[in-house]
Amino acid sequence: MAVVKPIPDEHHVVRHCKKRETIRENGRIMGVYPDAFLLRPANPPRRPEPEKYLSCNYYEYFQGEPAGRMKSCCEALALRQNRWIRWLGLTSPE
């Protein structure tokens, strides 16, 4: 089993968020509802076991400028067209 280490406070993760999980004001995304970060319970037969981890990408893993890093995160998520991602962290990218 892999060693689990907490992500440092100054680091960030990128997560795919469904449209219904986003908080919007006049069509602009203002935030994300906390439900986007909850592990889902079992839901047989589709999901017989509760989720054990939250799927996301580690932003600092990728190299380059902020826009390039975010693009790499999107590519790693293999997002289909019209999907949303949000920057998660206490600070915004430079």
PDB file of N, CA and C in Angstrom:
ATOM      1  N   MET A   1       0.844  -1.183   0.000  1.00  0.00           N
ATOM      2  CA  MET A   1       0.000   0.000   0.000  1.00  0.00           C
ATOM      3  C   MET A   1       0.891   1.248   0.000  1.00  0.00           C
ATOM      4  N   ALA A   2       0.492   2.254  -0.761  1.00  0.00           N
ATOM      5  CA  ALA A   2       1.270   3.488  -0.875  1.00  0.00           C
ATOM      6  C   ALA A   2       1.209   4.288   0.423  1.00  0.00           C
ATOM      7  N   VAL A   3       2.282   5.018   0.677  1.00  0.00           N
ATOM      8  CA  VAL A   3       2.332   5.895   1.836  1.00  0.00           C
ATOM      9  C   VAL A   3       1.498   7.135   1.535  1.00  0.00           C
ATOM     10  N   VAL A   4       0.608   7.489   2.421  1.00  0.00           N
ATOM     11  CA  VAL A   4      -0.253   8.655   2.236  1.00  0.00           C
ATOM     12  C   VAL A   4       0.330   9.827   3.007  1.00  0.00           C
ATOM     13  N   LYS A   5       0.577  10.943   2.294  1.00  0.00           N
ATOM     14  CA  LYS A   5       1.099  12.152   2.921  1.00  0.00           C
ATOM     15  C   LYS A   5       0.126  13.287   2.658  1.00  0.00           C
ATOM     16  N   PRO A   6      -0.088  14.153   3.620  1.00  0.00           N
ATOM     17  CA  PRO A   6      -0.982  15.292   3.379  1.00  0.00           C
ATOM     18  C   PRO A   6      -0.365  16.252   2.361  1.00  0.00           C
ATOM     19  N   ILE A   7      -1.217  16.908   1.596  1.00  0.00           N
ATOM     20  CA  ILE A   7      -0.756  17.911   0.644  1.00  0.00           C
ATOM     21  C   ILE A   7      -0.432  19.178   1.426  1.00  0.00           C
ATOM     22  N   PRO A   8       0.755  19.761   1.208  1.00  0.00           N
ATOM     23  CA  PRO A   8       1.102  21.000   1.916  1.00  0.00           C
ATOM     24  C   PRO A   8       0.067  22.099   1.656  1.00  0.00           C
ATOM     25  N   ASP A   9      -0.179  22.948   2.643  1.00  0.00           N
ATOM     26  CA  ASP A   9      -1.182  24.008   2.527  1.00  0.00           C
ATOM     27  C   ASP A   9      -0.957  24.920   1.333  1.00  0.00           C
ATOM     28  N   GLU A  10       0.302  25.133   0.947  1.00  0.00           N
ATOM     29  CA  GLU A  10       0.585  26.049  -0.160  1.00  0.00           C
ATOM     30  C   GLU A  10       0.431  25.377  -1.527  1.00  0.00           C
ATOM     31  N   HIS A  11       0.078  24.104  -1.565  1.00  0.00           N
ATOM     32  CA  HIS A  11      -0.116  23.374  -2.822  1.00  0.00           C
ATOM     33  C   HIS A  11      -1.607  23.273  -3.149  1.00  0.00           C
ATOM     34  N   HIS A  12      -1.911  22.763  -4.346  1.00  0.00           N
ATOM     35  CA  HIS A  12      -3.281  22.784  -4.856  1.00  0.00           C
ATOM     36  C   HIS A  12      -3.648  21.492  -5.574  1.00  0.00           C
ATOM     37  N   VAL A  13      -4.940  21.243  -5.668  1.00  0.00           N
ATOM     38  CA  VAL A  13      -5.452  20.147  -6.481  1.00  0.00           C
ATOM     39  C   VAL A  13      -6.483  20.708  -7.462  1.00  0.00           C
ATOM     40  N   VAL A  14      -6.648  20.008  -8.561  1.00  0.00           N
ATOM     41  CA  VAL A  14      -7.639  20.373  -9.574  1.00  0.00           C
ATOM     42  C   VAL A  14      -8.615  19.211  -9.658  1.00  0.00           C
ATOM     43  N   ARG A  15      -9.885  19.532  -9.582  1.00  0.00           N
ATOM     44  CA  ARG A  15     -10.930  18.502  -9.589  1.00  0.00           C
ATOM     45  C   ARG A  15     -12.004  18.853 -10.595  1.00  0.00           C
ATOM     46  N   HIS A  16     -12.478  17.845 -11.300  1.00  0.00           N
ATOM     47  CA  HIS A  16     -13.616  18.015 -12.193  1.00  0.00           C
ATOM     48  C   HIS A  16     -14.867  18.199 -11.344  1.00  0.00           C
ATOM     49  N   CYS A  17     -15.615  19.266 -11.595  1.00  0.00           N
ATOM     50  CA  CYS A  17     -16.846  19.532 -10.854  1.00  0.00           C
ATOM     51  C   CYS A  17     -18.012  19.573 -11.834  1.00  0.00           C
ATOM     52  N   LYS A  18     -19.052  18.856 -11.503  1.00  0.00           N
ATOM     53  CA  LYS A  18     -20.245  18.881 -12.344  1.00  0.00           C
ATOM     54  C   LYS A  18     -20.904  20.250 -12.250  1.00  0.00           C
ATOM     55  N   LYS A  19     -21.614  20.614 -13.296  1.00  0.00           N
ATOM     56  CA  LYS A  19     -22.253  21.931 -13.346  1.00  0.00           C
ATOM     57  C   LYS A  19     -23.151  22.163 -12.133  1.00  0.00           C
ATOM     58  N   ARG A  20     -23.872  21.136 -11.701  1.00  0.00           N
ATOM     59  CA  ARG A  20     -24.783  21.295 -10.555  1.00  0.00           C
ATOM     60  C   ARG A  20     -24.038  21.506  -9.241  1.00  0.00           C
ATOM     61  N   GLU A  21     -22.738  21.242  -9.225  1.00  0.00           N
ATOM     62  CA  GLU A  21     -21.928  21.431  -8.024  1.00  0.00           C
ATOM     63  C   GLU A  21     -21.303  22.822  -7.952  1.00  0.00           C
ATOM     64  N   THR A  22     -21.514  23.626  -8.991  1.00  0.00           N
ATOM     65  CA  THR A  22     -20.926  24.967  -9.020  1.00  0.00           C
ATOM     66  C   THR A  22     -21.922  26.018  -8.552  1.00  0.00           C
ATOM     67  N   ILE A  23     -21.420  27.015  -7.867  1.00  0.00           N
ATOM     68  CA  ILE A  23     -22.214  28.152  -7.407  1.00  0.00           C
ATOM     69  C   ILE A  23     -22.054  29.242  -8.461  1.00  0.00           C
ATOM     70  N   ARG A  24     -23.183  29.707  -9.008  1.00  0.00           N
ATOM     71  CA  ARG A  24     -23.138  30.674 -10.098  1.00  0.00           C
ATOM     72  C   ARG A  24     -23.898  31.938  -9.750  1.00  0.00           C
ATOM     73  N   GLU A  25     -23.410  33.021 -10.304  1.00  0.00           N
ATOM     74  CA  GLU A  25     -24.056  34.315 -10.159  1.00  0.00           C
ATOM     75  C   GLU A  25     -23.982  34.999 -11.519  1.00  0.00           C
ATOM     76  N   ASN A  26     -25.137  35.253 -12.098  1.00  0.00           N
ATOM     77  CA  ASN A  26     -25.199  35.859 -13.431  1.00  0.00           C
ATOM     78  C   ASN A  26     -24.383  35.073 -14.457  1.00  0.00           C
ATOM     79  N   GLY A  27     -24.447  33.752 -14.371  1.00  0.00           N
ATOM     80  CA  GLY A  27     -23.761  32.894 -15.322  1.00  0.00           C
ATOM     81  C   GLY A  27     -22.285  32.654 -15.043  1.00  0.00           C
ATOM     82  N   ARG A  28     -21.720  33.354 -14.082  1.00  0.00           N
ATOM     83  CA  ARG A  28     -20.298  33.183 -13.740  1.00  0.00           C
ATOM     84  C   ARG A  28     -20.149  32.225 -12.567  1.00  0.00           C
ATOM     85  N   ILE A  29     -19.131  31.391 -12.630  1.00  0.00           N
ATOM     86  CA  ILE A  29     -18.851  30.484 -11.521  1.00  0.00           C
ATOM     87  C   ILE A  29     -18.203  31.280 -10.397  1.00  0.00           C
ATOM     88  N   MET A  30     -18.848  31.246  -9.230  1.00  0.00           N
ATOM     89  CA  MET A  30     -18.357  31.985  -8.064  1.00  0.00           C
ATOM     90  C   MET A  30     -17.727  31.060  -7.026  1.00  0.00           C
ATOM     91  N   GLY A  31     -18.017  29.775  -7.132  1.00  0.00           N
ATOM     92  CA  GLY A  31     -17.496  28.823  -6.163  1.00  0.00           C
ATOM     93  C   GLY A  31     -18.019  27.431  -6.448  1.00  0.00           C
ATOM     94  N   VAL A  32     -17.777  26.550  -5.507  1.00  0.00           N
ATOM     95  CA  VAL A  32     -18.180  25.155  -5.629  1.00  0.00           C
ATOM     96  C   VAL A  32     -18.849  24.738  -4.324  1.00  0.00           C
ATOM     97  N   TYR A  33     -19.972  24.026  -4.434  1.00  0.00           N
ATOM     98  CA  TYR A  33     -20.643  23.514  -3.234  1.00  0.00           C
ATOM     99  C   TYR A  33     -19.777  22.441  -2.570  1.00  0.00           C
ATOM    100  N   PRO A  34     -19.812  22.362  -1.251  1.00  0.00           N
ATOM    101  CA  PRO A  34     -18.999  21.371  -0.531  1.00  0.00           C
ATOM    102  C   PRO A  34     -19.270  19.932  -0.961  1.00  0.00           C
ATOM    103  N   ASP A  35     -20.479  19.647  -1.451  1.00  0.00           N
ATOM    104  CA  ASP A  35     -20.804  18.283  -1.885  1.00  0.00           C
ATOM    105  C   ASP A  35     -19.845  17.766  -2.950  1.00  0.00           C
ATOM    106  N   ALA A  36     -19.217  18.661  -3.712  1.00  0.00           N
ATOM    107  CA  ALA A  36     -18.284  18.248  -4.763  1.00  0.00           C
ATOM    108  C   ALA A  36     -17.068  17.519  -4.182  1.00  0.00           C
ATOM    109  N   PHE A  37     -16.857  17.636  -2.857  1.00  0.00           N
ATOM    110  CA  PHE A  37     -15.673  17.062  -2.234  1.00  0.00           C
ATOM    111  C   PHE A  37     -15.987  15.935  -1.257  1.00  0.00           C
ATOM    112  N   LEU A  38     -17.224  15.475  -1.268  1.00  0.00           N
ATOM    113  CA  LEU A  38     -17.619  14.383  -0.383  1.00  0.00           C
ATOM    114  C   LEU A  38     -17.440  13.045  -1.079  1.00  0.00           C
ATOM    115  N   LEU A  39     -17.001  12.062  -0.328  1.00  0.00           N
ATOM    116  CA  LEU A  39     -16.964  10.704  -0.858  1.00  0.00           C
ATOM    117  C   LEU A  39     -18.388  10.187  -0.926  1.00  0.00           C
ATOM    118  N   ARG A  40     -18.724   9.564  -2.043  1.00  0.00           N
ATOM    119  CA  ARG A  40     -20.098   9.077  -2.219  1.00  0.00           C
ATOM    120  C   ARG A  40     -20.293   7.734  -1.523  1.00  0.00           C
ATOM    121  N   PRO A  41     -21.472   7.535  -0.936  1.00  0.00           N
ATOM    122  CA  PRO A  41     -21.760   6.252  -0.283  1.00  0.00           C
ATOM    123  C   PRO A  41     -22.038   5.169  -1.325  1.00  0.00           C
ATOM    124  N   ALA A  42     -22.124   3.946  -0.864  1.00  0.00           N
ATOM    125  CA  ALA A  42     -22.482   2.843  -1.759  1.00  0.00           C
ATOM    126  C   ALA A  42     -23.852   3.104  -2.366  1.00  0.00           C
ATOM    127  N   ASN A  43     -24.029   2.671  -3.620  1.00  0.00           N
ATOM    128  CA  ASN A  43     -25.296   2.831  -4.335  1.00  0.00           C
ATOM    129  C   ASN A  43     -25.454   1.637  -5.272  1.00  0.00           C
ATOM    130  N   PRO A  44     -25.758   0.441  -4.692  1.00  0.00           N
ATOM    131  CA  PRO A  44     -25.863  -0.765  -5.518  1.00  0.00           C
ATOM    132  C   PRO A  44     -26.963  -0.629  -6.564  1.00  0.00           C
ATOM    133  N   PRO A  45     -26.852  -1.219  -7.709  1.00  0.00           N
ATOM    134  CA  PRO A  45     -25.715  -2.065  -8.131  1.00  0.00           C
ATOM    135  C   PRO A  45     -24.596  -1.249  -8.788  1.00  0.00           C
ATOM    136  N   ARG A  46     -24.844  -0.010  -9.090  1.00  0.00           N
ATOM    137  CA  ARG A  46     -23.843   0.802  -9.809  1.00  0.00           C
ATOM    138  C   ARG A  46     -22.548   0.981  -9.022  1.00  0.00           C
ATOM    139  N   ARG A  47     -22.654   1.293  -7.746  1.00  0.00           N
ATOM    140  CA  ARG A  47     -21.481   1.490  -6.895  1.00  0.00           C
ATOM    141  C   ARG A  47     -21.715   0.673  -5.624  1.00  0.00           C
ATOM    142  N   PRO A  48     -21.334  -0.603  -5.648  1.00  0.00           N
ATOM    143  CA  PRO A  48     -21.628  -1.477  -4.506  1.00  0.00           C
ATOM    144  C   PRO A  48     -20.881  -1.111  -3.226  1.00  0.00           C
ATOM    145  N   GLU A  49     -19.751  -0.441  -3.340  1.00  0.00           N
ATOM    146  CA  GLU A  49     -18.950  -0.051  -2.176  1.00  0.00           C
ATOM    147  C   GLU A  49     -18.901   1.478  -2.089  1.00  0.00           C
ATOM    148  N   PRO A  50     -18.763   2.031  -0.892  1.00  0.00           N
ATOM    149  CA  PRO A  50     -18.571   3.484  -0.791  1.00  0.00           C
ATOM    150  C   PRO A  50     -17.221   3.876  -1.399  1.00  0.00           C
ATOM    151  N   GLU A  51     -17.138   5.106  -1.878  1.00  0.00           N
ATOM    152  CA  GLU A  51     -15.870   5.577  -2.428  1.00  0.00           C
ATOM    153  C   GLU A  51     -14.821   5.632  -1.325  1.00  0.00           C
ATOM    154  N   LYS A  52     -13.570   5.367  -1.700  1.00  0.00           N
ATOM    155  CA  LYS A  52     -12.474   5.344  -0.737  1.00  0.00           C
ATOM    156  C   LYS A  52     -11.511   6.507  -0.930  1.00  0.00           C
ATOM    157  N   TYR A  53     -11.629   7.220  -2.037  1.00  0.00           N
ATOM    158  CA  TYR A  53     -10.739   8.344  -2.310  1.00  0.00           C
ATOM    159  C   TYR A  53     -11.445   9.375  -3.182  1.00  0.00           C
ATOM    160  N   LEU A  54     -10.905  10.565  -3.218  1.00  0.00           N
ATOM    161  CA  LEU A  54     -11.426  11.650  -4.034  1.00  0.00           C
ATOM    162  C   LEU A  54     -10.519  11.810  -5.245  1.00  0.00           C
ATOM    163  N   SER A  55     -11.086  11.780  -6.416  1.00  0.00           N
ATOM    164  CA  SER A  55     -10.313  11.890  -7.640  1.00  0.00           C
ATOM    165  C   SER A  55      -9.971  13.351  -7.931  1.00  0.00           C
ATOM    166  N   CYS A  56      -8.688  13.626  -8.133  1.00  0.00           N
ATOM    167  CA  CYS A  56      -8.236  14.977  -8.464  1.00  0.00           C
ATOM    168  C   CYS A  56      -6.822  14.888  -9.020  1.00  0.00           C
ATOM    169  N   ASN A  57      -6.318  16.000  -9.514  1.00  0.00           N
ATOM    170  CA  ASN A  57      -4.940  16.078 -10.003  1.00  0.00           C
ATOM    171  C   ASN A  57      -4.151  17.032  -9.122  1.00  0.00           C
ATOM    172  N   TYR A  58      -2.907  16.686  -8.899  1.00  0.00           N
ATOM    173  CA  TYR A  58      -2.001  17.479  -8.082  1.00  0.00           C
ATOM    174  C   TYR A  58      -1.344  18.524  -8.985  1.00  0.00           C
ATOM    175  N   TYR A  59      -1.778  19.772  -8.857  1.00  0.00           N
ATOM    176  CA  TYR A  59      -1.361  20.878  -9.727  1.00  0.00           C
ATOM    177  C   TYR A  59       0.159  21.035  -9.767  1.00  0.00           C
ATOM    178  N   GLU A  60       0.811  20.958  -8.645  1.00  0.00           N
ATOM    179  CA  GLU A  60       2.259  21.182  -8.582  1.00  0.00           C
ATOM    180  C   GLU A  60       3.064  20.065  -9.243  1.00  0.00           C
ATOM    181  N   TYR A  61       2.432  18.960  -9.570  1.00  0.00           N
ATOM    182  CA  TYR A  61       3.106  17.879 -10.289  1.00  0.00           C
ATOM    183  C   TYR A  61       3.540  18.344 -11.673  1.00  0.00           C
ATOM    184  N   PHE A  62       2.735  19.199 -12.303  1.00  0.00           N
ATOM    185  CA  PHE A  62       2.992  19.648 -13.672  1.00  0.00           C
ATOM    186  C   PHE A  62       3.935  20.845 -13.691  1.00  0.00           C
ATOM    187  N   GLN A  63       4.708  20.940 -14.766  1.00  0.00           N
ATOM    188  CA  GLN A  63       5.704  21.993 -14.921  1.00  0.00           C
ATOM    189  C   GLN A  63       5.162  23.131 -15.781  1.00  0.00           C
ATOM    190  N   GLY A  64       5.764  24.313 -15.667  1.00  0.00           N
ATOM    191  CA  GLY A  64       5.458  25.423 -16.560  1.00  0.00           C
ATOM    192  C   GLY A  64       4.689  26.543 -15.894  1.00  0.00           C
ATOM    193  N   GLU A  65       4.189  27.433 -16.745  1.00  0.00           N
ATOM    194  CA  GLU A  65       3.396  28.579 -16.303  1.00  0.00           C
ATOM    195  C   GLU A  65       2.016  28.100 -15.851  1.00  0.00           C
ATOM    196  N   PRO A  66       1.283  28.913 -15.071  1.00  0.00           N
ATOM    197  CA  PRO A  66      -0.027  28.489 -14.574  1.00  0.00           C
ATOM    198  C   PRO A  66      -0.999  27.996 -15.660  1.00  0.00           C
ATOM    199  N   ALA A  67      -1.088  28.702 -16.782  1.00  0.00           N
ATOM    200  CA  ALA A  67      -2.016  28.277 -17.839  1.00  0.00           C
ATOM    201  C   ALA A  67      -1.609  26.913 -18.407  1.00  0.00           C
ATOM    202  N   GLY A  68      -0.312  26.693 -18.555  1.00  0.00           N
ATOM    203  CA  GLY A  68       0.180  25.416 -19.056  1.00  0.00           C
ATOM    204  C   GLY A  68      -0.056  24.284 -18.077  1.00  0.00           C
ATOM    205  N   ARG A  69       0.127  24.583 -16.801  1.00  0.00           N
ATOM    206  CA  ARG A  69      -0.137  23.568 -15.770  1.00  0.00           C
ATOM    207  C   ARG A  69      -1.615  23.178 -15.764  1.00  0.00           C
ATOM    208  N   MET A  70      -2.489  24.185 -15.855  1.00  0.00           N
ATOM    209  CA  MET A  70      -3.918  23.895 -15.847  1.00  0.00           C
ATOM    210  C   MET A  70      -4.298  23.079 -17.084  1.00  0.00           C
ATOM    211  N   LYS A  71      -3.719  23.410 -18.224  1.00  0.00           N
ATOM    212  CA  LYS A  71      -3.975  22.642 -19.446  1.00  0.00           C
ATOM    213  C   LYS A  71      -3.544  21.189 -19.244  1.00  0.00           C
ATOM    214  N   SER A  72      -2.389  20.987 -18.637  1.00  0.00           N
ATOM    215  CA  SER A  72      -1.913  19.625 -18.366  1.00  0.00           C
ATOM    216  C   SER A  72      -2.865  18.882 -17.439  1.00  0.00           C
ATOM    217  N   CYS A  73      -3.408  19.585 -16.441  1.00  0.00           N
ATOM    218  CA  CYS A  73      -4.393  18.966 -15.546  1.00  0.00           C
ATOM    219  C   CYS A  73      -5.624  18.527 -16.331  1.00  0.00           C
ATOM    220  N   CYS A  74      -6.095  19.385 -17.224  1.00  0.00           N
ATOM    221  CA  CYS A  74      -7.275  19.052 -18.040  1.00  0.00           C
ATOM    222  C   CYS A  74      -7.006  17.827 -18.909  1.00  0.00           C
ATOM    223  N   GLU A  75      -5.824  17.802 -19.515  1.00  0.00           N
ATOM    224  CA  GLU A  75      -5.467  16.658 -20.361  1.00  0.00           C
ATOM    225  C   GLU A  75      -5.387  15.381 -19.532  1.00  0.00           C
ATOM    226  N   ALA A  76      -4.857  15.475 -18.323  1.00  0.00           N
ATOM    227  CA  ALA A  76      -4.761  14.300 -17.458  1.00  0.00           C
ATOM    228  C   ALA A  76      -6.140  13.823 -17.004  1.00  0.00           C
ATOM    229  N   LEU A  77      -7.072  14.765 -16.870  1.00  0.00           N
ATOM    230  CA  LEU A  77      -8.434  14.397 -16.489  1.00  0.00           C
ATOM    231  C   LEU A  77      -9.216  13.817 -17.660  1.00  0.00           C
ATOM    232  N   ALA A  78      -8.701  13.969 -18.877  1.00  0.00           N
ATOM    233  CA  ALA A  78      -9.368  13.496 -20.083  1.00  0.00           C
ATOM    234  C   ALA A  78     -10.808  14.012 -20.138  1.00  0.00           C
ATOM    235  N   LEU A  79     -10.954  15.313 -19.951  1.00  0.00           N
ATOM    236  CA  LEU A  79     -12.282  15.913 -19.931  1.00  0.00           C
ATOM    237  C   LEU A  79     -12.905  15.953 -21.315  1.00  0.00           C
ATOM    238  N   ARG A  80     -14.194  15.690 -21.351  1.00  0.00           N
ATOM    239  CA  ARG A  80     -14.940  15.867 -22.582  1.00  0.00           C
ATOM    240  C   ARG A  80     -15.303  17.335 -22.714  1.00  0.00           C
ATOM    241  N   GLN A  81     -15.690  17.723 -23.908  1.00  0.00           N
ATOM    242  CA  GLN A  81     -16.072  19.108 -24.155  1.00  0.00           C
ATOM    243  C   GLN A  81     -17.209  19.514 -23.220  1.00  0.00           C
ATOM    244  N   ASN A  82     -17.246  20.789 -22.851  1.00  0.00           N
ATOM    245  CA  ASN A  82     -18.277  21.367 -21.990  1.00  0.00           C
ATOM    246  C   ASN A  82     -18.226  20.857 -20.551  1.00  0.00           C
ATOM    247  N   ARG A  83     -17.074  20.446 -20.092  1.00  0.00           N
ATOM    248  CA  ARG A  83     -16.920  20.053 -18.690  1.00  0.00           C
ATOM    249  C   ARG A  83     -16.219  21.186 -17.955  1.00  0.00           C
ATOM    250  N   TRP A  84     -16.401  21.240 -16.652  1.00  0.00           N
ATOM    251  CA  TRP A  84     -15.848  22.320 -15.839  1.00  0.00           C
ATOM    252  C   TRP A  84     -14.777  21.793 -14.908  1.00  0.00           C
ATOM    253  N   ILE A  85     -13.741  22.601 -14.707  1.00  0.00           N
ATOM    254  CA  ILE A  85     -12.771  22.313 -13.655  1.00  0.00           C
ATOM    255  C   ILE A  85     -12.650  23.569 -12.813  1.00  0.00           C
ATOM    256  N   ARG A  86     -12.230  23.415 -11.593  1.00  0.00           N
ATOM    257  CA  ARG A  86     -12.053  24.564 -10.701  1.00  0.00           C
ATOM    258  C   ARG A  86     -10.697  24.466 -10.056  1.00  0.00           C
ATOM    259  N   TRP A  87     -10.131  25.622  -9.821  1.00  0.00           N
ATOM    260  CA  TRP A  87      -8.883  25.754  -9.082  1.00  0.00           C
ATOM    261  C   TRP A  87      -9.226  25.626  -7.608  1.00  0.00           C
ATOM    262  N   LEU A  88      -8.625  24.719  -6.901  1.00  0.00           N
ATOM    263  CA  LEU A  88      -8.917  24.502  -5.498  1.00  0.00           C
ATOM    264  C   LEU A  88      -7.686  24.842  -4.670  1.00  0.00           C
ATOM    265  N   GLY A  89      -7.865  25.691  -3.728  1.00  0.00           N
ATOM    266  CA  GLY A  89      -6.766  26.065  -2.853  1.00  0.00           C
ATOM    267  C   GLY A  89      -7.075  27.392  -2.207  1.00  0.00           C
ATOM    268  N   LEU A  90      -6.261  27.768  -1.280  1.00  0.00           N
ATOM    269  CA  LEU A  90      -6.503  29.017  -0.577  1.00  0.00           C
ATOM    270  C   LEU A  90      -5.998  30.219  -1.352  1.00  0.00           C
ATOM    271  N   THR A  91      -5.104  29.986  -2.285  1.00  0.00           N
ATOM    272  CA  THR A  91      -4.579  31.080  -3.089  1.00  0.00           C
ATOM    273  C   THR A  91      -4.795  30.759  -4.556  1.00  0.00           C
ATOM    274  N   SER A  92      -4.791  31.775  -5.405  1.00  0.00           N
ATOM    275  CA  SER A  92      -4.953  31.542  -6.833  1.00  0.00           C
ATOM    276  C   SER A  92      -3.579  31.380  -7.483  1.00  0.00           C
ATOM    277  N   PRO A  93      -3.536  30.760  -8.679  1.00  0.00           N
ATOM    278  CA  PRO A  93      -2.249  30.610  -9.339  1.00  0.00           C
ATOM    279  C   PRO A  93      -1.682  31.965  -9.722  1.00  0.00           C
ATOM    280  N   GLU A  94      -0.356  32.062  -9.781  1.00  0.00           N
ATOM    281  CA  GLU A  94       0.288  33.335 -10.118  1.00  0.00           C
ATOM    282  C   GLU A  94      -0.168  33.826 -11.465  1.00  0.00           C
TER     283      GLU A  94
END
